[in-house]
Amino acid sequence: MAHMSVDVVAADRKVWSGDATLVSAPAADGEIGILAGHSPMLSALTSGSVRVTDPRGNKRVFVVSGGFLSVDQDVVTIVVDNATDADTPGH
């Protein structure tokens, strides 16, 4: 299955970076799903959960506050005010 490069960045640090087959995020006008080959786009994000599925089928969840998501040539960049890796113990 085709994949894309994903970066999740908070105002103060890079939260996560890696390859993915699917990214779901809370866009301002509803939930958005991104697959490899998606058209270039820029979307505002609201608070909620960003879900990333890697090429092996593993899922990661990040709780985010407002920000934006951009897609360009199979590169997804998610920039938010705050992000917490929900898969990290203690969060």
PDB file of N, CA and C in Angstrom:
ATOM      1  N   MET A   1       0.839  -1.178   0.000  1.00  0.00           N
ATOM      2  CA  MET A   1       0.000   0.000   0.000  1.00  0.00           C
ATOM      3  C   MET A   1       0.888   1.247   0.000  1.00  0.00           C
ATOM      4  N   ALA A   2       0.457   2.253  -0.723  1.00  0.00           N
ATOM      5  CA  ALA A   2       1.225   3.508  -0.811  1.00  0.00           C
ATOM      6  C   ALA A   2       1.232   4.205   0.548  1.00  0.00           C
ATOM      7  N   HIS A   3       2.279   4.962   0.777  1.00  0.00           N
ATOM      8  CA  HIS A   3       2.356   5.679   2.050  1.00  0.00           C
ATOM      9  C   HIS A   3       2.817   7.107   1.823  1.00  0.00           C
ATOM     10  N   MET A   4       2.758   7.870   2.905  1.00  0.00           N
ATOM     11  CA  MET A   4       3.152   9.278   2.874  1.00  0.00           C
ATOM     12  C   MET A   4       3.968   9.587   4.114  1.00  0.00           C
ATOM     13  N   SER A   5       4.664  10.681   4.082  1.00  0.00           N
ATOM     14  CA  SER A   5       5.475  11.140   5.200  1.00  0.00           C
ATOM     15  C   SER A   5       4.625  12.086   6.050  1.00  0.00           C
ATOM     16  N   VAL A   6       4.670  11.908   7.378  1.00  0.00           N
ATOM     17  CA  VAL A   6       3.847  12.711   8.286  1.00  0.00           C
ATOM     18  C   VAL A   6       4.729  13.329   9.368  1.00  0.00           C
ATOM     19  N   ASP A   7       4.498  14.622   9.627  1.00  0.00           N
ATOM     20  CA  ASP A   7       5.141  15.327  10.740  1.00  0.00           C
ATOM     21  C   ASP A   7       4.053  15.947  11.593  1.00  0.00           C
ATOM     22  N   VAL A   8       4.094  15.676  12.902  1.00  0.00           N
ATOM     23  CA  VAL A   8       3.201  16.318  13.865  1.00  0.00           C
ATOM     24  C   VAL A   8       4.080  17.245  14.704  1.00  0.00           C
ATOM     25  N   VAL A   9       3.789  18.544  14.625  1.00  0.00           N
ATOM     26  CA  VAL A   9       4.639  19.547  15.254  1.00  0.00           C
ATOM     27  C   VAL A   9       3.799  20.437  16.162  1.00  0.00           C
ATOM     28  N   ALA A  10       4.241  20.591  17.416  1.00  0.00           N
ATOM     29  CA  ALA A  10       3.617  21.532  18.344  1.00  0.00           C
ATOM     30  C   ALA A  10       4.426  22.825  18.303  1.00  0.00           C
ATOM     31  N   ALA A  11       3.919  23.854  18.939  1.00  0.00           N
ATOM     32  CA  ALA A  11       4.593  25.151  18.920  1.00  0.00           C
ATOM     33  C   ALA A  11       6.024  25.072  19.451  1.00  0.00           C
ATOM     34  N   ASP A  12       6.271  24.154  20.386  1.00  0.00           N
ATOM     35  CA  ASP A  12       7.576  24.100  21.044  1.00  0.00           C
ATOM     36  C   ASP A  12       8.442  22.894  20.687  1.00  0.00           C
ATOM     37  N   ARG A  13       7.910  21.947  19.855  1.00  0.00           N
ATOM     38  CA  ARG A  13       8.705  20.741  19.588  1.00  0.00           C
ATOM     39  C   ARG A  13       8.088  19.903  18.475  1.00  0.00           C
ATOM     40  N   LYS A  14       8.905  19.030  17.907  1.00  0.00           N
ATOM     41  CA  LYS A  14       8.381  18.024  16.981  1.00  0.00           C
ATOM     42  C   LYS A  14       7.856  16.879  17.835  1.00  0.00           C
ATOM     43  N   VAL A  15       6.608  16.526  17.646  1.00  0.00           N
ATOM     44  CA  VAL A  15       5.953  15.500  18.453  1.00  0.00           C
ATOM     45  C   VAL A  15       6.197  14.110  17.881  1.00  0.00           C
ATOM     46  N   TRP A  16       6.078  13.993  16.556  1.00  0.00           N
ATOM     47  CA  TRP A  16       6.243  12.687  15.913  1.00  0.00           C
ATOM     48  C   TRP A  16       6.503  12.880  14.436  1.00  0.00           C
ATOM     49  N   SER A  17       7.254  11.959  13.853  1.00  0.00           N
ATOM     50  CA  SER A  17       7.523  11.976  12.425  1.00  0.00           C
ATOM     51  C   SER A  17       7.649  10.537  11.955  1.00  0.00           C
ATOM     52  N   GLY A  18       7.063  10.230  10.798  1.00  0.00           N
ATOM     53  CA  GLY A  18       7.172   8.877  10.272  1.00  0.00           C
ATOM     54  C   GLY A  18       6.314   8.692   9.040  1.00  0.00           C
ATOM     55  N   ASP A  19       6.248   7.447   8.563  1.00  0.00           N
ATOM     56  CA  ASP A  19       5.444   7.113   7.397  1.00  0.00           C
ATOM     57  C   ASP A  19       4.057   6.657   7.843  1.00  0.00           C
ATOM     58  N   ALA A  20       3.072   6.904   6.992  1.00  0.00           N
ATOM     59  CA  ALA A  20       1.704   6.513   7.306  1.00  0.00           C
ATOM     60  C   ALA A  20       0.951   6.158   6.033  1.00  0.00           C
ATOM     61  N   THR A  21      -0.088   5.347   6.208  1.00  0.00           N
ATOM     62  CA  THR A  21      -0.993   5.034   5.108  1.00  0.00           C
ATOM     63  C   THR A  21      -2.294   5.810   5.236  1.00  0.00           C
ATOM     64  N   LEU A  22      -2.613   6.290   6.457  1.00  0.00           N
ATOM     65  CA  LEU A  22      -3.845   7.026   6.704  1.00  0.00           C
ATOM     66  C   LEU A  22      -3.628   8.023   7.827  1.00  0.00           C
ATOM     67  N   VAL A  23      -4.156   9.233   7.638  1.00  0.00           N
ATOM     68  CA  VAL A  23      -4.176  10.251   8.690  1.00  0.00           C
ATOM     69  C   VAL A  23      -5.607  10.762   8.785  1.00  0.00           C
ATOM     70  N   SER A  24      -6.156  10.794  10.000  1.00  0.00           N
ATOM     71  CA  SER A  24      -7.479  11.370  10.255  1.00  0.00           C
ATOM     72  C   SER A  24      -7.300  12.508  11.235  1.00  0.00           C
ATOM     73  N   ALA A  25      -8.004  13.621  10.991  1.00  0.00           N
ATOM     74  CA  ALA A  25      -7.823  14.797  11.840  1.00  0.00           C
ATOM     75  C   ALA A  25      -9.127  15.586  11.952  1.00  0.00           C
ATOM     76  N   PRO A  26      -9.281  16.355  13.043  1.00  0.00           N
ATOM     77  CA  PRO A  26     -10.491  17.144  13.256  1.00  0.00           C
ATOM     78  C   PRO A  26     -10.423  18.491  12.541  1.00  0.00           C
ATOM     79  N   ALA A  27     -10.798  18.518  11.280  1.00  0.00           N
ATOM     80  CA  ALA A  27     -10.784  19.762  10.510  1.00  0.00           C
ATOM     81  C   ALA A  27     -11.892  20.689  11.014  1.00  0.00           C
ATOM     82  N   ALA A  28     -11.756  21.959  10.742  1.00  0.00           N
ATOM     83  CA  ALA A  28     -12.716  22.954  11.216  1.00  0.00           C
ATOM     84  C   ALA A  28     -14.128  22.680  10.704  1.00  0.00           C
ATOM     85  N   ASP A  29     -14.258  22.078   9.518  1.00  0.00           N
ATOM     86  CA  ASP A  29     -15.586  21.813   8.962  1.00  0.00           C
ATOM     87  C   ASP A  29     -15.950  20.328   8.989  1.00  0.00           C
ATOM     88  N   GLY A  30     -15.293  19.551   9.834  1.00  0.00           N
ATOM     89  CA  GLY A  30     -15.595  18.130   9.988  1.00  0.00           C
ATOM     90  C   GLY A  30     -14.348  17.275   9.920  1.00  0.00           C
ATOM     91  N   GLU A  31     -14.490  16.014  10.252  1.00  0.00           N
ATOM     92  CA  GLU A  31     -13.369  15.065  10.247  1.00  0.00           C
ATOM     93  C   GLU A  31     -12.840  14.897   8.826  1.00  0.00           C
ATOM     94  N   ILE A  32     -11.515  14.865   8.695  1.00  0.00           N
ATOM     95  CA  ILE A  32     -10.892  14.699   7.385  1.00  0.00           C
ATOM     96  C   ILE A  32      -9.994  13.470   7.410  1.00  0.00           C
ATOM     97  N   GLY A  33      -9.994  12.724   6.327  1.00  0.00           N
ATOM     98  CA  GLY A  33      -9.120  11.568   6.174  1.00  0.00           C
ATOM     99  C   GLY A  33      -8.200  11.787   4.989  1.00  0.00           C
ATOM    100  N   ILE A  34      -6.923  11.485   5.179  1.00  0.00           N
ATOM    101  CA  ILE A  34      -5.919  11.688   4.136  1.00  0.00           C
ATOM    102  C   ILE A  34      -5.271  10.342   3.815  1.00  0.00           C
ATOM    103  N   LEU A  35      -5.245   9.993   2.540  1.00  0.00           N
ATOM    104  CA  LEU A  35      -4.540   8.815   2.039  1.00  0.00           C
ATOM    105  C   LEU A  35      -3.431   9.275   1.096  1.00  0.00           C
ATOM    106  N   ALA A  36      -2.473   8.400   0.821  1.00  0.00           N
ATOM    107  CA  ALA A  36      -1.415   8.720  -0.143  1.00  0.00           C
ATOM    108  C   ALA A  36      -2.043   9.121  -1.468  1.00  0.00           C
ATOM    109  N   GLY A  37      -1.448  10.110  -2.116  1.00  0.00           N
ATOM    110  CA  GLY A  37      -1.953  10.591  -3.392  1.00  0.00           C
ATOM    111  C   GLY A  37      -3.012  11.670  -3.260  1.00  0.00           C
ATOM    112  N   HIS A  38      -3.301  12.103  -2.018  1.00  0.00           N
ATOM    113  CA  HIS A  38      -4.312  13.137  -1.808  1.00  0.00           C
ATOM    114  C   HIS A  38      -3.903  14.433  -2.493  1.00  0.00           C
ATOM    115  N   SER A  39      -4.864  15.163  -2.993  1.00  0.00           N
ATOM    116  CA  SER A  39      -4.618  16.464  -3.614  1.00  0.00           C
ATOM    117  C   SER A  39      -4.017  17.426  -2.592  1.00  0.00           C
ATOM    118  N   PRO A  40      -3.188  18.362  -3.039  1.00  0.00           N
ATOM    119  CA  PRO A  40      -2.657  19.365  -2.113  1.00  0.00           C
ATOM    120  C   PRO A  40      -3.802  20.127  -1.454  1.00  0.00           C
ATOM    121  N   MET A  41      -3.641  20.407  -0.172  1.00  0.00           N
ATOM    122  CA  MET A  41      -4.674  21.138   0.557  1.00  0.00           C
ATOM    123  C   MET A  41      -4.112  21.749   1.827  1.00  0.00           C
ATOM    124  N   LEU A  42      -4.846  22.693   2.367  1.00  0.00           N
ATOM    125  CA  LEU A  42      -4.539  23.316   3.646  1.00  0.00           C
ATOM    126  C   LEU A  42      -5.850  23.423   4.397  1.00  0.00           C
ATOM    127  N   SER A  43      -5.881  22.959   5.654  1.00  0.00           N
ATOM    128  CA  SER A  43      -7.111  22.975   6.429  1.00  0.00           C
ATOM    129  C   SER A  43      -6.834  23.415   7.858  1.00  0.00           C
ATOM    130  N   ALA A  44      -7.723  24.237   8.401  1.00  0.00           N
ATOM    131  CA  ALA A  44      -7.662  24.585   9.822  1.00  0.00           C
ATOM    132  C   ALA A  44      -8.126  23.377  10.629  1.00  0.00           C
ATOM    133  N   LEU A  45      -7.530  23.194  11.811  1.00  0.00           N
ATOM    134  CA  LEU A  45      -7.910  22.098  12.704  1.00  0.00           C
ATOM    135  C   LEU A  45      -8.533  22.654  13.974  1.00  0.00           C
ATOM    136  N   THR A  46      -9.432  21.878  14.566  1.00  0.00           N
ATOM    137  CA  THR A  46      -9.994  22.199  15.864  1.00  0.00           C
ATOM    138  C   THR A  46      -9.379  21.251  16.891  1.00  0.00           C
ATOM    139  N   SER A  47      -9.726  21.420  18.134  1.00  0.00           N
ATOM    140  CA  SER A  47      -9.252  20.501  19.175  1.00  0.00           C
ATOM    141  C   SER A  47      -9.864  19.129  18.945  1.00  0.00           C
ATOM    142  N   GLY A  48      -9.074  18.087  19.222  1.00  0.00           N
ATOM    143  CA  GLY A  48      -9.553  16.720  19.049  1.00  0.00           C
ATOM    144  C   GLY A  48      -8.405  15.751  18.915  1.00  0.00           C
ATOM    145  N   SER A  49      -8.648  14.639  18.239  1.00  0.00           N
ATOM    146  CA  SER A  49      -7.648  13.585  18.088  1.00  0.00           C
ATOM    147  C   SER A  49      -7.202  13.446  16.639  1.00  0.00           C
ATOM    148  N   VAL A  50      -5.883  13.422  16.455  1.00  0.00           N
ATOM    149  CA  VAL A  50      -5.293  13.093  15.156  1.00  0.00           C
ATOM    150  C   VAL A  50      -4.884  11.629  15.242  1.00  0.00           C
ATOM    151  N   ARG A  51      -5.320  10.837  14.272  1.00  0.00           N
ATOM    152  CA  ARG A  51      -5.010   9.415  14.248  1.00  0.00           C
ATOM    153  C   ARG A  51      -4.161   9.096  13.029  1.00  0.00           C
ATOM    154  N   VAL A  52      -3.057   8.398  13.273  1.00  0.00           N
ATOM    155  CA  VAL A  52      -2.113   8.056  12.204  1.00  0.00           C
ATOM    156  C   VAL A  52      -1.960   6.537  12.172  1.00  0.00           C
ATOM    157  N   THR A  53      -2.131   5.954  10.990  1.00  0.00           N
ATOM    158  CA  THR A  53      -1.927   4.513  10.810  1.00  0.00           C
ATOM    159  C   THR A  53      -0.662   4.323   9.983  1.00  0.00           C
ATOM    160  N   ASP A  54       0.312   3.576  10.547  1.00  0.00           N
ATOM    161  CA  ASP A  54       1.573   3.379   9.835  1.00  0.00           C
ATOM    162  C   ASP A  54       1.447   2.225   8.841  1.00  0.00           C
ATOM    163  N   PRO A  55       2.453   2.026   7.985  1.00  0.00           N
ATOM    164  CA  PRO A  55       2.374   0.978   6.956  1.00  0.00           C
ATOM    165  C   PRO A  55       2.198  -0.439   7.501  1.00  0.00           C
ATOM    166  N   ARG A  56       2.510  -0.677   8.769  1.00  0.00           N
ATOM    167  CA  ARG A  56       2.335  -2.010   9.365  1.00  0.00           C
ATOM    168  C   ARG A  56       0.958  -2.176  10.005  1.00  0.00           C
ATOM    169  N   GLY A  57       0.145  -1.099   9.967  1.00  0.00           N
ATOM    170  CA  GLY A  57      -1.189  -1.161  10.551  1.00  0.00           C
ATOM    171  C   GLY A  57      -1.264  -0.672  11.984  1.00  0.00           C
ATOM    172  N   ASN A  58      -0.121  -0.273  12.560  1.00  0.00           N
ATOM    173  CA  ASN A  58      -0.124   0.263  13.922  1.00  0.00           C
ATOM    174  C   ASN A  58      -0.739   1.653  13.919  1.00  0.00           C
ATOM    175  N   LYS A  59      -1.506   1.961  14.978  1.00  0.00           N
ATOM    176  CA  LYS A  59      -2.169   3.256  15.058  1.00  0.00           C
ATOM    177  C   LYS A  59      -1.597   4.080  16.198  1.00  0.00           C
ATOM    178  N   ARG A  60      -1.466   5.391  15.952  1.00  0.00           N
ATOM    179  CA  ARG A  60      -1.026   6.339  16.969  1.00  0.00           C
ATOM    180  C   ARG A  60      -2.088   7.412  17.068  1.00  0.00           C
ATOM    181  N   VAL A  61      -2.301   7.897  18.281  1.00  0.00           N
ATOM    182  CA  VAL A  61      -3.298   8.935  18.509  1.00  0.00           C
ATOM    183  C   VAL A  61      -2.624  10.103  19.222  1.00  0.00           C
ATOM    184  N   PHE A  62      -2.887  11.305  18.717  1.00  0.00           N
ATOM    185  CA  PHE A  62      -2.360  12.529  19.311  1.00  0.00           C
ATOM    186  C   PHE A  62      -3.541  13.437  19.634  1.00  0.00           C
ATOM    187  N   VAL A  63      -3.624  13.878  20.878  1.00  0.00           N
ATOM    188  CA  VAL A  63      -4.654  14.830  21.273  1.00  0.00           C
ATOM    189  C   VAL A  63      -4.087  16.212  20.990  1.00  0.00           C
ATOM    190  N   VAL A  64      -4.798  16.988  20.163  1.00  0.00           N
ATOM    191  CA  VAL A  64      -4.265  18.268  19.704  1.00  0.00           C
ATOM    192  C   VAL A  64      -5.226  19.405  20.013  1.00  0.00           C
ATOM    193  N   SER A  65      -4.661  20.611  20.053  1.00  0.00           N
ATOM    194  CA  SER A  65      -5.478  21.818  20.101  1.00  0.00           C
ATOM    195  C   SER A  65      -5.445  22.427  18.703  1.00  0.00           C
ATOM    196  N   GLY A  66      -6.079  23.544  18.511  1.00  0.00           N
ATOM    197  CA  GLY A  66      -6.191  24.151  17.193  1.00  0.00           C
ATOM    198  C   GLY A  66      -4.867  24.315  16.466  1.00  0.00           C
ATOM    199  N   GLY A  67      -4.944  24.300  15.167  1.00  0.00           N
ATOM    200  CA  GLY A  67      -3.768  24.459  14.322  1.00  0.00           C
ATOM    201  C   GLY A  67      -4.151  24.292  12.872  1.00  0.00           C
ATOM    202  N   PHE A  68      -3.258  23.680  12.089  1.00  0.00           N
ATOM    203  CA  PHE A  68      -3.588  23.420  10.694  1.00  0.00           C
ATOM    204  C   PHE A  68      -2.908  22.165  10.194  1.00  0.00           C
ATOM    205  N   LEU A  69      -3.416  21.668   9.074  1.00  0.00           N
ATOM    206  CA  LEU A  69      -2.885  20.483   8.420  1.00  0.00           C
ATOM    207  C   LEU A  69      -2.655  20.852   6.962  1.00  0.00           C
ATOM    208  N   SER A  70      -1.485  20.494   6.443  1.00  0.00           N
ATOM    209  CA  SER A  70      -1.230  20.712   5.021  1.00  0.00           C
ATOM    210  C   SER A  70      -0.814  19.396   4.378  1.00  0.00           C
ATOM    211  N   VAL A  71      -1.194  19.254   3.109  1.00  0.00           N
ATOM    212  CA  VAL A  71      -0.843  18.078   2.317  1.00  0.00           C
ATOM    213  C   VAL A  71      -0.221  18.579   1.029  1.00  0.00           C
ATOM    214  N   ASP A  72       0.940  18.041   0.686  1.00  0.00           N
ATOM    215  CA  ASP A  72       1.587  18.391  -0.577  1.00  0.00           C
ATOM    216  C   ASP A  72       2.514  17.259  -0.996  1.00  0.00           C
ATOM    217  N   GLN A  73       2.230  16.629  -2.102  1.00  0.00           N
ATOM    218  CA  GLN A  73       3.052  15.564  -2.676  1.00  0.00           C
ATOM    219  C   GLN A  73       3.392  14.470  -1.658  1.00  0.00           C
ATOM    220  N   ASP A  74       2.360  13.905  -1.044  1.00  0.00           N
ATOM    221  CA  ASP A  74       2.496  12.813  -0.069  1.00  0.00           C
ATOM    222  C   ASP A  74       3.311  13.198   1.161  1.00  0.00           C
ATOM    223  N   VAL A  75       3.299  14.476   1.504  1.00  0.00           N
ATOM    224  CA  VAL A  75       3.869  14.961   2.757  1.00  0.00           C
ATOM    225  C   VAL A  75       2.743  15.652   3.515  1.00  0.00           C
ATOM    226  N   VAL A  76       2.440  15.142   4.708  1.00  0.00           N
ATOM    227  CA  VAL A  76       1.404  15.720   5.556  1.00  0.00           C
ATOM    228  C   VAL A  76       2.100  16.389   6.736  1.00  0.00           C
ATOM    229  N   THR A  77       1.820  17.677   6.925  1.00  0.00           N
ATOM    230  CA  THR A  77       2.387  18.418   8.042  1.00  0.00           C
ATOM    231  C   THR A  77       1.238  18.917   8.899  1.00  0.00           C
ATOM    232  N   ILE A  78       1.296  18.568  10.188  1.00  0.00           N
ATOM    233  CA  ILE A  78       0.269  18.978  11.138  1.00  0.00           C
ATOM    234  C   ILE A  78       0.955  19.864  12.162  1.00  0.00           C
ATOM    235  N   VAL A  79       0.542  21.132  12.208  1.00  0.00           N
ATOM    236  CA  VAL A  79       1.128  22.099  13.137  1.00  0.00           C
ATOM    237  C   VAL A  79       0.023  22.548  14.079  1.00  0.00           C
ATOM    238  N   VAL A  80       0.243  22.352  15.381  1.00  0.00           N
ATOM    239  CA  VAL A  80      -0.777  22.672  16.379  1.00  0.00           C
ATOM    240  C   VAL A  80      -0.162  23.442  17.542  1.00  0.00           C
ATOM    241  N   ASP A  81      -1.024  24.093  18.316  1.00  0.00           N
ATOM    242  CA  ASP A  81      -0.547  24.816  19.494  1.00  0.00           C
ATOM    243  C   ASP A  81       0.022  23.846  20.524  1.00  0.00           C
ATOM    244  N   ASN A  82      -0.734  22.792  20.827  1.00  0.00           N
ATOM    245  CA  ASN A  82      -0.317  21.772  21.781  1.00  0.00           C
ATOM    246  C   ASN A  82      -0.665  20.402  21.241  1.00  0.00           C
ATOM    247  N   ALA A  83       0.161  19.405  21.550  1.00  0.00           N
ATOM    248  CA  ALA A  83      -0.118  18.020  21.163  1.00  0.00           C
ATOM    249  C   ALA A  83       0.402  17.086  22.237  1.00  0.00           C
ATOM    250  N   THR A  84      -0.402  16.099  22.558  1.00  0.00           N
ATOM    251  CA  THR A  84      -0.022  15.081  23.518  1.00  0.00           C
ATOM    252  C   THR A  84      -0.136  13.730  22.828  1.00  0.00           C
ATOM    253  N   ASP A  85       0.913  12.933  22.919  1.00  0.00           N
ATOM    254  CA  ASP A  85       0.879  11.582  22.361  1.00  0.00           C
ATOM    255  C   ASP A  85       0.051  10.723  23.303  1.00  0.00           C
ATOM    256  N   ALA A  86      -1.155  10.365  22.875  1.00  0.00           N
ATOM    257  CA  ALA A  86      -2.056   9.590  23.729  1.00  0.00           C
ATOM    258  C   ALA A  86      -1.534   8.181  24.000  1.00  0.00           C
ATOM    259  N   ASP A  87      -0.535   7.743  23.212  1.00  0.00           N
ATOM    260  CA  ASP A  87       0.027   6.413  23.403  1.00  0.00           C
ATOM    261  C   ASP A  87       1.168   6.389  24.415  1.00  0.00           C
ATOM    262  N   THR A  88       1.563   7.568  24.911  1.00  0.00           N
ATOM    263  CA  THR A  88       2.628   7.645  25.886  1.00  0.00           C
ATOM    264  C   THR A  88       2.060   7.415  27.288  1.00  0.00           C
ATOM    265  N   PRO A  89       2.626   6.489  28.072  1.00  0.00           N
ATOM    266  CA  PRO A  89       2.123   6.246  29.423  1.00  0.00           C
ATOM    267  C   PRO A  89       2.079   7.540  30.228  1.00  0.00           C
ATOM    268  N   GLY A  90       1.003   7.675  31.005  1.00  0.00           N
ATOM    269  CA  GLY A  90       0.868   8.860  31.855  1.00  0.00           C
ATOM    270  C   GLY A  90       0.141   9.999  31.159  1.00  0.00           C
ATOM    271  N   HIS A  91      -0.257   9.817  29.897  1.00  0.00           N
ATOM    272  CA  HIS A  91      -0.982  10.877  29.185  1.00  0.00           C
ATOM    273  C   HIS A  91      -2.346  10.403  28.783  1.00  0.00           C
TER     274      HIS A  91
END
